[in-house]
Amino acid sequence: LSYEQYTTAPDGTGYGIANYYDETTGFSGFRLDKITEGEPSVLSDNIAALFGAEDPAEAMFFFPSGLTADEAGRLYIATHQSLVVLNADMTPALLLDNLQSCQGFAKRDDTVYLLYYDTENTGGYALAPILPEEKKLGDPIALPEGVRADSLYLGEGYDVFYLSAGGLWGYNTGDPEGTLLMSMANSNLPNSFSELAVLDSGLKVNHEAFLDYG
């Protein structure tokens, strides 16, 4: 048993998507766990069913690429081509299954954003707000042409911070390209970061120091 994705809800409850194999039935897939006081309880023994898949054999096609929770207690699960939003009682609030290359989530205030390849509007990777009440994605923010971001952060100073090509970038909508804030290429830091997070919400980013260090 190992967790491919994990998140902590605002109330402190943990949720994880576990990759597991049942020796008795021979079933291999992903399940959704709720973790309280360090103990997991199974919410769904096959996340494919949350996306409407009826055949258990389809479970292998629902590899999780993102998991997060919002202030209202809703859970957001992304796979490569699908997005489901679950209410606190595990009933579906939103299901989109016609997406492409979903990479994960980012949050700003009470809104959760999806990073995905937007063929319909931008023709590249984009970040769109998820609107569960309206059962759709909002207007996307297109990333610079050719950029494939590994992780995102929504904070002050730029519309989007993202990791790409061994560096930390800032990007504002309408700019032809992003701004390199820190490069790991010529430093003693690894250039294979896959997650971007702020540990102290009061931390002020010093762009000049980033550039000097890089």
N, C-alpha and C. Protein backbone atom coordinates (compact mmCIF):
# COMPACT_ATOMS: atom_id res chain seq x y z
N LEU A 1 0.85 -1.19 0.00
CA LEU A 1 0.00 0.00 0.00
C LEU A 1 0.89 1.24 0.00
N SER A 2 0.68 2.13 -0.97
CA SER A 2 1.41 3.40 -1.01
C SER A 2 0.49 4.47 -1.54
N TYR A 3 0.67 5.69 -1.05
CA TYR A 3 -0.18 6.80 -1.46
C TYR A 3 0.46 7.55 -2.64
N GLU A 4 -0.27 7.57 -3.75
CA GLU A 4 0.18 8.31 -4.92
C GLU A 4 -0.10 9.79 -4.76
N GLN A 5 -1.18 10.13 -4.08
CA GLN A 5 -1.56 11.52 -3.84
C GLN A 5 -2.04 11.64 -2.39
N TYR A 6 -1.79 12.79 -1.78
CA TYR A 6 -2.21 13.02 -0.41
C TYR A 6 -2.51 14.50 -0.24
N THR A 7 -3.53 14.81 0.58
CA THR A 7 -3.83 16.20 0.88
C THR A 7 -4.43 16.28 2.27
N THR A 8 -4.37 17.46 2.84
CA THR A 8 -4.98 17.72 4.14
C THR A 8 -6.04 18.79 3.98
N ALA A 9 -7.26 18.48 4.41
CA ALA A 9 -8.37 19.42 4.32
C ALA A 9 -8.19 20.53 5.36
N PRO A 10 -8.86 21.67 5.18
CA PRO A 10 -8.73 22.76 6.15
C PRO A 10 -9.06 22.37 7.59
N ASP A 11 -9.91 21.36 7.79
CA ASP A 11 -10.23 20.93 9.15
C ASP A 11 -9.21 19.96 9.73
N GLY A 12 -8.14 19.68 8.98
CA GLY A 12 -7.09 18.81 9.47
C GLY A 12 -7.23 17.36 9.07
N THR A 13 -8.33 16.98 8.45
CA THR A 13 -8.52 15.60 8.00
C THR A 13 -7.63 15.32 6.80
N GLY A 14 -7.00 14.16 6.79
CA GLY A 14 -6.16 13.77 5.68
C GLY A 14 -6.91 12.89 4.70
N TYR A 15 -6.56 13.00 3.42
CA TYR A 15 -7.12 12.15 2.38
C TYR A 15 -5.98 11.67 1.50
N GLY A 16 -6.02 10.41 1.11
CA GLY A 16 -4.98 9.86 0.27
C GLY A 16 -5.55 8.92 -0.77
N ILE A 17 -4.92 8.89 -1.93
CA ILE A 17 -5.26 7.92 -2.97
C ILE A 17 -4.16 6.86 -2.96
N ALA A 18 -4.54 5.63 -2.61
CA ALA A 18 -3.58 4.56 -2.42
C ALA A 18 -3.57 3.62 -3.62
N ASN A 19 -2.38 3.21 -3.99
CA ASN A 19 -2.20 2.18 -5.01
C ASN A 19 -2.09 0.84 -4.28
N TYR A 20 -3.00 -0.07 -4.58
CA TYR A 20 -2.98 -1.32 -3.82
C TYR A 20 -3.33 -2.51 -4.70
N TYR A 21 -2.99 -3.70 -4.18
CA TYR A 21 -3.27 -4.94 -4.88
C TYR A 21 -3.94 -5.91 -3.91
N ASP A 22 -5.07 -6.46 -4.32
CA ASP A 22 -5.81 -7.41 -3.49
C ASP A 22 -5.46 -8.82 -3.96
N GLU A 23 -4.69 -9.54 -3.14
CA GLU A 23 -4.27 -10.89 -3.52
C GLU A 23 -5.44 -11.86 -3.63
N THR A 24 -6.50 -11.62 -2.88
CA THR A 24 -7.65 -12.52 -2.89
C THR A 24 -8.41 -12.46 -4.21
N THR A 25 -8.63 -11.24 -4.69
CA THR A 25 -9.42 -11.07 -5.92
C THR A 25 -8.56 -10.83 -7.15
N GLY A 26 -7.28 -10.48 -6.94
CA GLY A 26 -6.42 -10.16 -8.07
C GLY A 26 -6.64 -8.75 -8.60
N PHE A 27 -7.40 -7.93 -7.85
CA PHE A 27 -7.71 -6.57 -8.31
C PHE A 27 -6.54 -5.63 -8.01
N SER A 28 -6.18 -4.83 -8.99
CA SER A 28 -5.14 -3.83 -8.82
C SER A 28 -5.70 -2.47 -9.25
N GLY A 29 -5.62 -1.50 -8.38
CA GLY A 29 -6.15 -0.20 -8.73
C GLY A 29 -5.86 0.83 -7.65
N PHE A 30 -6.69 1.84 -7.58
CA PHE A 30 -6.51 2.94 -6.65
C PHE A 30 -7.76 3.11 -5.80
N ARG A 31 -7.54 3.37 -4.52
CA ARG A 31 -8.66 3.58 -3.62
C ARG A 31 -8.48 4.91 -2.91
N LEU A 32 -9.59 5.46 -2.41
CA LEU A 32 -9.58 6.73 -1.71
C LEU A 32 -9.73 6.48 -0.22
N ASP A 33 -8.77 6.95 0.56
CA ASP A 33 -8.78 6.78 2.01
C ASP A 33 -8.99 8.11 2.71
N LYS A 34 -9.62 8.03 3.87
CA LYS A 34 -9.72 9.16 4.80
C LYS A 34 -8.85 8.83 6.00
N ILE A 35 -7.98 9.76 6.40
CA ILE A 35 -7.05 9.48 7.48
C ILE A 35 -7.33 10.41 8.65
N THR A 36 -7.71 9.85 9.78
CA THR A 36 -7.92 10.61 11.01
C THR A 36 -7.12 9.97 12.12
N GLU A 37 -6.38 10.80 12.84
CA GLU A 37 -5.51 10.34 13.93
C GLU A 37 -4.57 9.23 13.47
N GLY A 38 -4.10 9.36 12.23
CA GLY A 38 -3.13 8.42 11.70
C GLY A 38 -3.69 7.11 11.21
N GLU A 39 -5.01 6.93 11.31
CA GLU A 39 -5.63 5.67 10.91
C GLU A 39 -6.47 5.88 9.64
N PRO A 40 -6.21 5.06 8.58
CA PRO A 40 -7.00 5.21 7.34
C PRO A 40 -8.31 4.42 7.39
N SER A 41 -9.33 4.99 6.78
CA SER A 41 -10.58 4.28 6.52
C SER A 41 -10.91 4.45 5.06
N VAL A 42 -11.40 3.41 4.42
CA VAL A 42 -11.62 3.42 2.98
C VAL A 42 -12.92 4.13 2.64
N LEU A 43 -12.84 5.18 1.83
CA LEU A 43 -14.03 5.87 1.34
C LEU A 43 -14.52 5.26 0.04
N SER A 44 -13.59 4.83 -0.81
CA SER A 44 -13.93 4.18 -2.07
C SER A 44 -12.83 3.18 -2.39
N ASP A 45 -13.20 1.92 -2.64
CA ASP A 45 -12.18 0.91 -2.93
C ASP A 45 -11.76 0.91 -4.39
N ASN A 46 -12.31 1.83 -5.19
CA ASN A 46 -11.94 1.92 -6.60
C ASN A 46 -12.31 3.32 -7.09
N ILE A 47 -11.32 4.20 -7.23
CA ILE A 47 -11.65 5.57 -7.62
C ILE A 47 -12.23 5.66 -9.02
N ALA A 48 -12.00 4.64 -9.85
CA ALA A 48 -12.59 4.65 -11.18
C ALA A 48 -14.11 4.74 -11.11
N ALA A 49 -14.70 4.14 -10.06
CA ALA A 49 -16.15 4.18 -9.90
C ALA A 49 -16.63 5.61 -9.65
N LEU A 50 -15.79 6.44 -9.03
CA LEU A 50 -16.17 7.83 -8.78
C LEU A 50 -16.30 8.61 -10.07
N PHE A 51 -15.65 8.12 -11.12
CA PHE A 51 -15.71 8.76 -12.43
C PHE A 51 -16.75 8.10 -13.34
N GLY A 52 -17.54 7.19 -12.79
CA GLY A 52 -18.60 6.56 -13.56
C GLY A 52 -18.22 5.28 -14.25
N ALA A 53 -16.99 4.79 -14.05
CA ALA A 53 -16.56 3.54 -14.68
C ALA A 53 -17.24 2.37 -13.98
N GLU A 54 -17.89 1.50 -14.74
CA GLU A 54 -18.62 0.37 -14.16
C GLU A 54 -17.82 -0.92 -14.18
N ASP A 55 -16.91 -1.07 -15.12
CA ASP A 55 -16.10 -2.28 -15.23
C ASP A 55 -14.86 -2.13 -14.36
N PRO A 56 -14.66 -3.00 -13.36
CA PRO A 56 -13.47 -2.89 -12.50
C PRO A 56 -12.16 -2.92 -13.28
N ALA A 57 -12.17 -3.54 -14.45
CA ALA A 57 -10.95 -3.62 -15.25
C ALA A 57 -10.49 -2.25 -15.73
N GLU A 58 -11.40 -1.27 -15.72
CA GLU A 58 -11.06 0.08 -16.17
C GLU A 58 -10.24 0.83 -15.13
N ALA A 59 -10.12 0.27 -13.93
CA ALA A 59 -9.44 0.98 -12.84
C ALA A 59 -8.03 1.38 -13.22
N MET A 60 -7.33 0.54 -13.99
CA MET A 60 -5.94 0.81 -14.34
C MET A 60 -5.79 2.07 -15.20
N PHE A 61 -6.87 2.54 -15.82
CA PHE A 61 -6.80 3.71 -16.68
C PHE A 61 -7.04 5.00 -15.92
N PHE A 62 -7.29 4.92 -14.61
CA PHE A 62 -7.58 6.10 -13.81
C PHE A 62 -6.43 6.36 -12.85
N PHE A 63 -5.27 6.72 -13.42
CA PHE A 63 -4.10 7.02 -12.61
C PHE A 63 -4.23 8.43 -12.07
N PRO A 64 -4.19 8.61 -10.75
CA PRO A 64 -4.43 9.94 -10.17
C PRO A 64 -3.27 10.90 -10.42
N SER A 65 -3.60 12.12 -10.81
CA SER A 65 -2.58 13.14 -11.04
C SER A 65 -2.74 14.32 -10.09
N GLY A 66 -3.80 14.32 -9.28
CA GLY A 66 -3.99 15.42 -8.35
C GLY A 66 -5.08 15.13 -7.34
N LEU A 67 -4.91 15.66 -6.13
CA LEU A 67 -5.90 15.51 -5.06
C LEU A 67 -5.79 16.72 -4.15
N THR A 68 -6.92 17.37 -3.87
CA THR A 68 -6.93 18.50 -2.95
C THR A 68 -8.33 18.66 -2.37
N ALA A 69 -8.47 19.55 -1.40
CA ALA A 69 -9.76 19.80 -0.75
C ALA A 69 -9.93 21.31 -0.59
N ASP A 70 -11.18 21.77 -0.58
CA ASP A 70 -11.42 23.21 -0.42
C ASP A 70 -12.05 23.50 0.95
N GLU A 71 -12.33 24.77 1.17
CA GLU A 71 -12.86 25.21 2.46
C GLU A 71 -14.24 24.65 2.75
N ALA A 72 -14.99 24.29 1.71
CA ALA A 72 -16.34 23.77 1.89
C ALA A 72 -16.35 22.27 2.17
N GLY A 73 -15.16 21.65 2.20
CA GLY A 73 -15.08 20.22 2.47
C GLY A 73 -15.20 19.36 1.23
N ARG A 74 -15.16 19.97 0.05
CA ARG A 74 -15.22 19.19 -1.19
C ARG A 74 -13.85 18.64 -1.53
N LEU A 75 -13.84 17.45 -2.13
CA LEU A 75 -12.61 16.82 -2.58
C LEU A 75 -12.51 16.92 -4.10
N TYR A 76 -11.30 17.19 -4.59
CA TYR A 76 -11.03 17.32 -6.02
C TYR A 76 -10.04 16.23 -6.40
N ILE A 77 -10.40 15.40 -7.39
CA ILE A 77 -9.52 14.33 -7.86
C ILE A 77 -9.35 14.48 -9.36
N ALA A 78 -8.09 14.49 -9.80
CA ALA A 78 -7.80 14.56 -11.23
C ALA A 78 -7.07 13.30 -11.67
N THR A 79 -7.43 12.81 -12.84
CA THR A 79 -6.65 11.78 -13.52
C THR A 79 -6.17 12.41 -14.83
N HIS A 80 -5.54 11.62 -15.69
CA HIS A 80 -4.96 12.18 -16.90
C HIS A 80 -5.99 12.92 -17.76
N GLN A 81 -7.21 12.38 -17.85
CA GLN A 81 -8.21 12.97 -18.73
C GLN A 81 -9.51 13.34 -18.03
N SER A 82 -9.54 13.26 -16.70
CA SER A 82 -10.82 13.45 -16.01
C SER A 82 -10.65 14.27 -14.73
N LEU A 83 -11.75 14.89 -14.33
CA LEU A 83 -11.82 15.63 -13.07
C LEU A 83 -13.15 15.31 -12.40
N VAL A 84 -13.09 14.98 -11.11
CA VAL A 84 -14.31 14.81 -10.34
C VAL A 84 -14.19 15.65 -9.07
N VAL A 85 -15.28 16.31 -8.70
CA VAL A 85 -15.37 17.06 -7.45
C VAL A 85 -16.45 16.39 -6.62
N LEU A 86 -16.10 16.00 -5.39
CA LEU A 86 -17.02 15.29 -4.50
C LEU A 86 -17.44 16.20 -3.36
N ASN A 87 -18.73 16.21 -3.07
CA ASN A 87 -19.21 16.92 -1.89
C ASN A 87 -18.72 16.23 -0.63
N ALA A 88 -18.94 16.85 0.51
CA ALA A 88 -18.49 16.28 1.78
C ALA A 88 -19.12 14.91 2.05
N ASP A 89 -20.31 14.67 1.49
CA ASP A 89 -20.98 13.37 1.68
C ASP A 89 -20.63 12.37 0.59
N MET A 90 -19.61 12.69 -0.22
CA MET A 90 -19.09 11.82 -1.28
C MET A 90 -19.98 11.75 -2.51
N THR A 91 -21.02 12.55 -2.59
CA THR A 91 -21.81 12.62 -3.81
C THR A 91 -21.10 13.54 -4.81
N PRO A 92 -21.18 13.24 -6.12
CA PRO A 92 -20.45 14.06 -7.09
C PRO A 92 -21.07 15.44 -7.27
N ALA A 93 -20.23 16.46 -7.22
CA ALA A 93 -20.67 17.83 -7.49
C ALA A 93 -20.36 18.23 -8.92
N LEU A 94 -19.32 17.61 -9.50
CA LEU A 94 -18.90 17.94 -10.86
C LEU A 94 -18.10 16.78 -11.42
N LEU A 95 -18.34 16.45 -12.68
CA LEU A 95 -17.56 15.42 -13.36
C LEU A 95 -17.28 15.88 -14.78
N LEU A 96 -15.99 15.98 -15.12
CA LEU A 96 -15.57 16.31 -16.48
C LEU A 96 -14.65 15.20 -16.95
N ASP A 97 -15.00 14.58 -18.08
CA ASP A 97 -14.20 13.44 -18.56
C ASP A 97 -13.67 13.64 -19.97
N ASN A 98 -13.67 14.89 -20.45
CA ASN A 98 -13.19 15.16 -21.80
C ASN A 98 -11.98 16.07 -21.79
N LEU A 99 -11.16 15.96 -20.74
CA LEU A 99 -9.99 16.81 -20.59
C LEU A 99 -8.75 16.12 -21.15
N GLN A 100 -7.64 16.83 -21.11
CA GLN A 100 -6.39 16.26 -21.65
C GLN A 100 -5.22 16.68 -20.77
N SER A 101 -4.39 15.71 -20.42
CA SER A 101 -3.12 15.94 -19.71
C SER A 101 -3.32 16.79 -18.45
N CYS A 102 -4.22 16.36 -17.56
CA CYS A 102 -4.38 17.04 -16.28
C CYS A 102 -3.13 16.80 -15.43
N GLN A 103 -2.54 17.87 -14.92
CA GLN A 103 -1.27 17.77 -14.19
C GLN A 103 -1.42 17.93 -12.69
N GLY A 104 -2.51 18.53 -12.22
CA GLY A 104 -2.68 18.74 -10.79
C GLY A 104 -3.44 20.02 -10.50
N PHE A 105 -3.37 20.46 -9.23
CA PHE A 105 -4.17 21.59 -8.77
C PHE A 105 -3.30 22.67 -8.15
N ALA A 106 -3.88 23.87 -8.09
CA ALA A 106 -3.33 24.98 -7.32
C ALA A 106 -4.52 25.70 -6.70
N LYS A 107 -4.29 26.41 -5.60
CA LYS A 107 -5.39 27.09 -4.92
C LYS A 107 -5.06 28.55 -4.67
N ARG A 108 -6.09 29.38 -4.78
CA ARG A 108 -5.99 30.79 -4.41
C ARG A 108 -7.28 31.15 -3.69
N ASP A 109 -7.14 31.61 -2.44
CA ASP A 109 -8.30 31.91 -1.60
C ASP A 109 -9.18 30.66 -1.49
N ASP A 110 -10.44 30.76 -1.90
CA ASP A 110 -11.34 29.61 -1.79
C ASP A 110 -11.52 28.88 -3.13
N THR A 111 -10.72 29.23 -4.12
CA THR A 111 -10.90 28.65 -5.46
C THR A 111 -9.79 27.67 -5.77
N VAL A 112 -10.17 26.52 -6.33
CA VAL A 112 -9.21 25.51 -6.77
C VAL A 112 -9.05 25.63 -8.29
N TYR A 113 -7.81 25.59 -8.76
CA TYR A 113 -7.51 25.70 -10.18
C TYR A 113 -6.93 24.38 -10.68
N LEU A 114 -7.26 24.04 -11.93
CA LEU A 114 -6.75 22.84 -12.58
C LEU A 114 -5.70 23.21 -13.61
N LEU A 115 -4.56 22.53 -13.57
CA LEU A 115 -3.54 22.66 -14.60
C LEU A 115 -3.74 21.53 -15.61
N TYR A 116 -3.94 21.89 -16.88
CA TYR A 116 -4.23 20.89 -17.91
C TYR A 116 -3.86 21.45 -19.27
N TYR A 117 -3.92 20.57 -20.29
CA TYR A 117 -3.65 21.01 -21.66
C TYR A 117 -4.98 21.42 -22.29
N ASP A 118 -5.10 22.69 -22.61
CA ASP A 118 -6.36 23.26 -23.09
C ASP A 118 -6.34 23.35 -24.61
N THR A 119 -6.88 22.34 -25.28
CA THR A 119 -6.90 22.34 -26.75
C THR A 119 -7.97 23.27 -27.30
N GLU A 120 -9.01 23.52 -26.52
CA GLU A 120 -10.16 24.27 -27.03
C GLU A 120 -9.94 25.77 -27.03
N ASN A 121 -9.27 26.31 -25.99
CA ASN A 121 -9.17 27.76 -25.87
C ASN A 121 -7.77 28.31 -26.11
N THR A 122 -6.75 27.70 -25.50
CA THR A 122 -5.42 28.29 -25.54
C THR A 122 -4.44 27.53 -26.42
N GLY A 123 -4.72 26.25 -26.70
CA GLY A 123 -3.81 25.46 -27.50
C GLY A 123 -2.50 25.14 -26.79
N GLY A 124 -2.53 25.14 -25.47
CA GLY A 124 -1.34 24.83 -24.68
C GLY A 124 -1.74 24.61 -23.23
N TYR A 125 -0.74 24.50 -22.37
CA TYR A 125 -1.05 24.28 -20.95
C TYR A 125 -1.65 25.55 -20.35
N ALA A 126 -2.65 25.34 -19.52
CA ALA A 126 -3.39 26.46 -18.95
C ALA A 126 -3.84 26.12 -17.54
N LEU A 127 -4.23 27.15 -16.83
CA LEU A 127 -4.72 27.04 -15.46
C LEU A 127 -6.12 27.62 -15.42
N ALA A 128 -7.11 26.81 -15.03
CA ALA A 128 -8.50 27.28 -15.06
C ALA A 128 -9.14 27.08 -13.69
N PRO A 129 -9.93 28.06 -13.23
CA PRO A 129 -10.65 27.89 -11.98
C PRO A 129 -11.75 26.83 -12.13
N ILE A 130 -11.91 26.00 -11.12
CA ILE A 130 -12.96 24.97 -11.13
C ILE A 130 -14.19 25.55 -10.43
N LEU A 131 -15.33 25.49 -11.10
CA LEU A 131 -16.57 26.08 -10.59
C LEU A 131 -17.59 24.97 -10.36
N PRO A 132 -17.56 24.33 -9.18
CA PRO A 132 -18.46 23.18 -8.93
C PRO A 132 -19.94 23.55 -9.02
N GLU A 133 -20.30 24.74 -8.51
CA GLU A 133 -21.71 25.12 -8.55
C GLU A 133 -22.22 25.29 -9.97
N GLU A 134 -21.34 25.79 -10.86
CA GLU A 134 -21.72 25.98 -12.26
C GLU A 134 -21.39 24.77 -13.12
N LYS A 135 -20.76 23.76 -12.49
CA LYS A 135 -20.42 22.49 -13.16
C LYS A 135 -19.60 22.70 -14.43
N LYS A 136 -18.54 23.51 -14.28
CA LYS A 136 -17.67 23.76 -15.43
C LYS A 136 -16.35 24.36 -14.96
N LEU A 137 -15.42 24.53 -15.89
CA LEU A 137 -14.20 25.28 -15.66
C LEU A 137 -14.41 26.73 -16.06
N GLY A 138 -13.76 27.64 -15.33
CA GLY A 138 -13.84 29.05 -15.68
C GLY A 138 -12.84 29.40 -16.77
N ASP A 139 -12.71 30.70 -17.03
CA ASP A 139 -11.80 31.16 -18.09
C ASP A 139 -10.36 30.78 -17.74
N PRO A 140 -9.65 30.12 -18.67
CA PRO A 140 -8.29 29.66 -18.39
C PRO A 140 -7.25 30.76 -18.49
N ILE A 141 -6.18 30.60 -17.71
CA ILE A 141 -4.98 31.43 -17.84
C ILE A 141 -3.96 30.61 -18.63
N ALA A 142 -3.60 31.07 -19.81
CA ALA A 142 -2.67 30.33 -20.65
C ALA A 142 -1.24 30.56 -20.17
N LEU A 143 -0.48 29.47 -20.04
CA LEU A 143 0.95 29.59 -19.75
C LEU A 143 1.69 29.94 -21.04
N PRO A 144 2.93 30.44 -20.94
CA PRO A 144 3.67 30.78 -22.15
C PRO A 144 3.76 29.60 -23.12
N GLU A 145 3.82 29.91 -24.39
CA GLU A 145 3.83 28.88 -25.43
C GLU A 145 5.00 27.91 -25.22
N GLY A 146 4.68 26.63 -25.27
CA GLY A 146 5.70 25.61 -25.16
C GLY A 146 6.06 25.20 -23.74
N VAL A 147 5.49 25.89 -22.73
CA VAL A 147 5.83 25.59 -21.34
C VAL A 147 4.99 24.42 -20.84
N ARG A 148 5.67 23.47 -20.20
CA ARG A 148 4.99 22.39 -19.51
C ARG A 148 5.39 22.47 -18.04
N ALA A 149 4.52 23.04 -17.21
CA ALA A 149 4.84 23.27 -15.81
C ALA A 149 4.70 21.98 -15.01
N ASP A 150 5.61 21.78 -14.06
CA ASP A 150 5.55 20.62 -13.19
C ASP A 150 4.71 20.89 -11.95
N SER A 151 4.68 22.13 -11.49
CA SER A 151 3.93 22.48 -10.31
C SER A 151 3.67 23.97 -10.32
N LEU A 152 2.60 24.40 -9.63
CA LEU A 152 2.19 25.79 -9.66
C LEU A 152 1.99 26.34 -8.26
N TYR A 153 2.12 27.66 -8.14
CA TYR A 153 1.73 28.35 -6.92
C TYR A 153 1.10 29.68 -7.33
N LEU A 154 0.00 30.03 -6.70
CA LEU A 154 -0.69 31.29 -6.99
C LEU A 154 -0.45 32.23 -5.82
N GLY A 155 0.35 33.25 -6.05
CA GLY A 155 0.69 34.18 -4.98
C GLY A 155 0.83 35.60 -5.50
N GLU A 156 1.37 36.48 -4.68
CA GLU A 156 1.50 37.89 -5.03
C GLU A 156 2.71 38.12 -5.92
N GLY A 157 2.61 39.13 -6.77
CA GLY A 157 3.72 39.51 -7.64
C GLY A 157 3.58 39.04 -9.07
N TYR A 158 3.05 37.84 -9.25
CA TYR A 158 2.80 37.29 -10.59
C TYR A 158 1.45 36.56 -10.56
N ASP A 159 0.85 36.42 -11.72
CA ASP A 159 -0.40 35.66 -11.80
C ASP A 159 -0.16 34.21 -11.43
N VAL A 160 0.99 33.67 -11.86
CA VAL A 160 1.32 32.27 -11.63
C VAL A 160 2.82 32.13 -11.39
N PHE A 161 3.20 31.34 -10.39
CA PHE A 161 4.56 30.86 -10.23
C PHE A 161 4.56 29.39 -10.65
N TYR A 162 5.59 28.97 -11.40
CA TYR A 162 5.61 27.57 -11.81
C TYR A 162 7.05 27.06 -11.92
N LEU A 163 7.18 25.74 -11.82
CA LEU A 163 8.46 25.07 -12.00
C LEU A 163 8.52 24.52 -13.42
N SER A 164 9.61 24.80 -14.13
CA SER A 164 9.76 24.29 -15.49
C SER A 164 11.23 24.42 -15.89
N ALA A 165 11.72 23.42 -16.62
CA ALA A 165 13.07 23.46 -17.18
C ALA A 165 14.12 23.77 -16.13
N GLY A 166 13.99 23.15 -14.95
CA GLY A 166 15.00 23.32 -13.93
C GLY A 166 15.03 24.68 -13.27
N GLY A 167 13.91 25.39 -13.28
CA GLY A 167 13.90 26.71 -12.68
C GLY A 167 12.54 27.10 -12.14
N LEU A 168 12.54 28.16 -11.31
CA LEU A 168 11.31 28.75 -10.79
C LEU A 168 11.00 29.99 -11.62
N TRP A 169 9.78 30.06 -12.15
CA TRP A 169 9.39 31.13 -13.05
C TRP A 169 8.17 31.87 -12.50
N GLY A 170 8.07 33.15 -12.87
CA GLY A 170 6.87 33.94 -12.60
C GLY A 170 6.27 34.37 -13.93
N TYR A 171 4.95 34.41 -13.99
CA TYR A 171 4.31 34.73 -15.27
C TYR A 171 3.06 35.57 -15.03
N ASN A 172 2.90 36.61 -15.82
CA ASN A 172 1.69 37.44 -15.83
C ASN A 172 0.98 37.29 -17.16
N THR A 173 -0.32 37.19 -17.13
CA THR A 173 -1.11 37.04 -18.34
C THR A 173 -0.81 38.17 -19.32
N GLY A 174 -0.60 37.81 -20.55
CA GLY A 174 -0.32 38.80 -21.58
C GLY A 174 1.15 38.95 -21.91
N ASP A 175 2.03 38.52 -21.00
CA ASP A 175 3.46 38.57 -21.30
C ASP A 175 3.80 37.49 -22.32
N PRO A 176 4.75 37.76 -23.21
CA PRO A 176 5.11 36.74 -24.21
C PRO A 176 5.81 35.54 -23.58
N GLU A 177 6.47 35.73 -22.45
CA GLU A 177 7.16 34.62 -21.81
C GLU A 177 7.27 34.90 -20.32
N GLY A 178 7.61 33.86 -19.56
CA GLY A 178 7.74 34.03 -18.12
C GLY A 178 9.08 34.66 -17.74
N THR A 179 9.21 34.96 -16.45
CA THR A 179 10.44 35.54 -15.90
C THR A 179 11.13 34.50 -15.04
N LEU A 180 12.38 34.19 -15.35
CA LEU A 180 13.13 33.22 -14.56
C LEU A 180 13.53 33.87 -13.24
N LEU A 181 13.03 33.33 -12.13
CA LEU A 181 13.32 33.87 -10.81
C LEU A 181 14.47 33.13 -10.12
N MET A 182 14.60 31.85 -10.38
CA MET A 182 15.68 31.07 -9.79
C MET A 182 15.97 29.88 -10.68
N SER A 183 17.25 29.68 -11.01
CA SER A 183 17.67 28.53 -11.79
C SER A 183 18.44 27.57 -10.91
N MET A 184 18.09 26.28 -11.03
CA MET A 184 18.82 25.26 -10.29
C MET A 184 19.95 24.66 -11.13
N ALA A 185 20.09 25.12 -12.36
CA ALA A 185 21.05 24.50 -13.28
C ALA A 185 22.49 24.67 -12.82
N ASN A 186 22.85 25.83 -12.27
CA ASN A 186 24.23 26.09 -11.87
C ASN A 186 24.36 26.25 -10.36
N SER A 187 23.55 25.50 -9.63
CA SER A 187 23.60 25.56 -8.18
C SER A 187 23.76 24.15 -7.63
N ASN A 188 23.83 24.05 -6.31
CA ASN A 188 23.93 22.73 -5.69
C ASN A 188 22.56 22.16 -5.36
N LEU A 189 21.52 22.74 -5.94
CA LEU A 189 20.17 22.23 -5.77
C LEU A 189 19.83 21.27 -6.91
N PRO A 190 19.02 20.26 -6.65
CA PRO A 190 18.63 19.35 -7.75
C PRO A 190 17.74 20.07 -8.73
N ASN A 191 17.80 19.67 -10.00
CA ASN A 191 16.96 20.32 -11.02
C ASN A 191 15.75 19.47 -11.37
N SER A 192 15.37 18.60 -10.46
CA SER A 192 14.24 17.72 -10.73
C SER A 192 13.10 17.91 -9.74
N PHE A 193 12.92 19.17 -9.26
CA PHE A 193 11.80 19.44 -8.36
C PHE A 193 10.48 19.11 -9.05
N SER A 194 9.53 18.58 -8.27
CA SER A 194 8.22 18.30 -8.84
C SER A 194 7.10 18.95 -8.04
N GLU A 195 7.42 19.59 -6.92
CA GLU A 195 6.39 20.23 -6.10
C GLU A 195 6.84 21.64 -5.74
N LEU A 196 5.86 22.53 -5.64
CA LEU A 196 6.11 23.92 -5.29
C LEU A 196 5.10 24.31 -4.23
N ALA A 197 5.58 24.81 -3.08
CA ALA A 197 4.68 25.16 -1.99
C ALA A 197 5.29 26.28 -1.18
N VAL A 198 4.46 27.01 -0.47
CA VAL A 198 4.90 28.04 0.45
C VAL A 198 4.65 27.54 1.86
N LEU A 199 5.71 27.46 2.65
CA LEU A 199 5.59 26.93 4.01
C LEU A 199 5.15 27.99 5.00
N ASP A 200 5.45 29.25 4.72
CA ASP A 200 5.08 30.35 5.60
C ASP A 200 4.35 31.38 4.75
N SER A 201 3.05 31.53 4.99
CA SER A 201 2.26 32.43 4.15
C SER A 201 2.70 33.88 4.30
N GLY A 202 3.46 34.21 5.37
CA GLY A 202 3.93 35.57 5.56
C GLY A 202 5.28 35.83 4.94
N LEU A 203 5.88 34.81 4.32
CA LEU A 203 7.20 34.94 3.73
C LEU A 203 7.15 35.85 2.50
N LYS A 204 8.04 36.82 2.43
CA LYS A 204 8.13 37.71 1.29
C LYS A 204 9.20 37.18 0.33
N VAL A 205 8.84 37.03 -0.92
CA VAL A 205 9.77 36.50 -1.90
C VAL A 205 10.74 37.59 -2.34
N ASN A 206 12.04 37.30 -2.24
CA ASN A 206 13.07 38.23 -2.65
C ASN A 206 13.60 37.78 -4.00
N HIS A 207 13.05 38.34 -5.07
CA HIS A 207 13.43 37.90 -6.42
C HIS A 207 14.91 38.14 -6.69
N GLU A 208 15.45 39.28 -6.20
CA GLU A 208 16.85 39.57 -6.47
C GLU A 208 17.76 38.54 -5.80
N ALA A 209 17.41 38.13 -4.59
CA ALA A 209 18.21 37.13 -3.91
C ALA A 209 18.15 35.80 -4.65
N PHE A 210 16.99 35.47 -5.19
CA PHE A 210 16.86 34.25 -5.98
C PHE A 210 17.82 34.29 -7.16
N LEU A 211 17.83 35.42 -7.87
CA LEU A 211 18.66 35.52 -9.05
C LEU A 211 20.15 35.48 -8.68
N ASP A 212 20.51 36.14 -7.56
CA ASP A 212 21.91 36.13 -7.13
C ASP A 212 22.34 34.71 -6.77
N TYR A 213 21.45 33.97 -6.07
CA TYR A 213 21.82 32.63 -5.65
C TYR A 213 21.93 31.70 -6.86
N GLY A 214 20.98 31.85 -7.81
CA GLY A 214 20.99 30.97 -8.96
C GLY A 214 22.22 31.19 -9.82
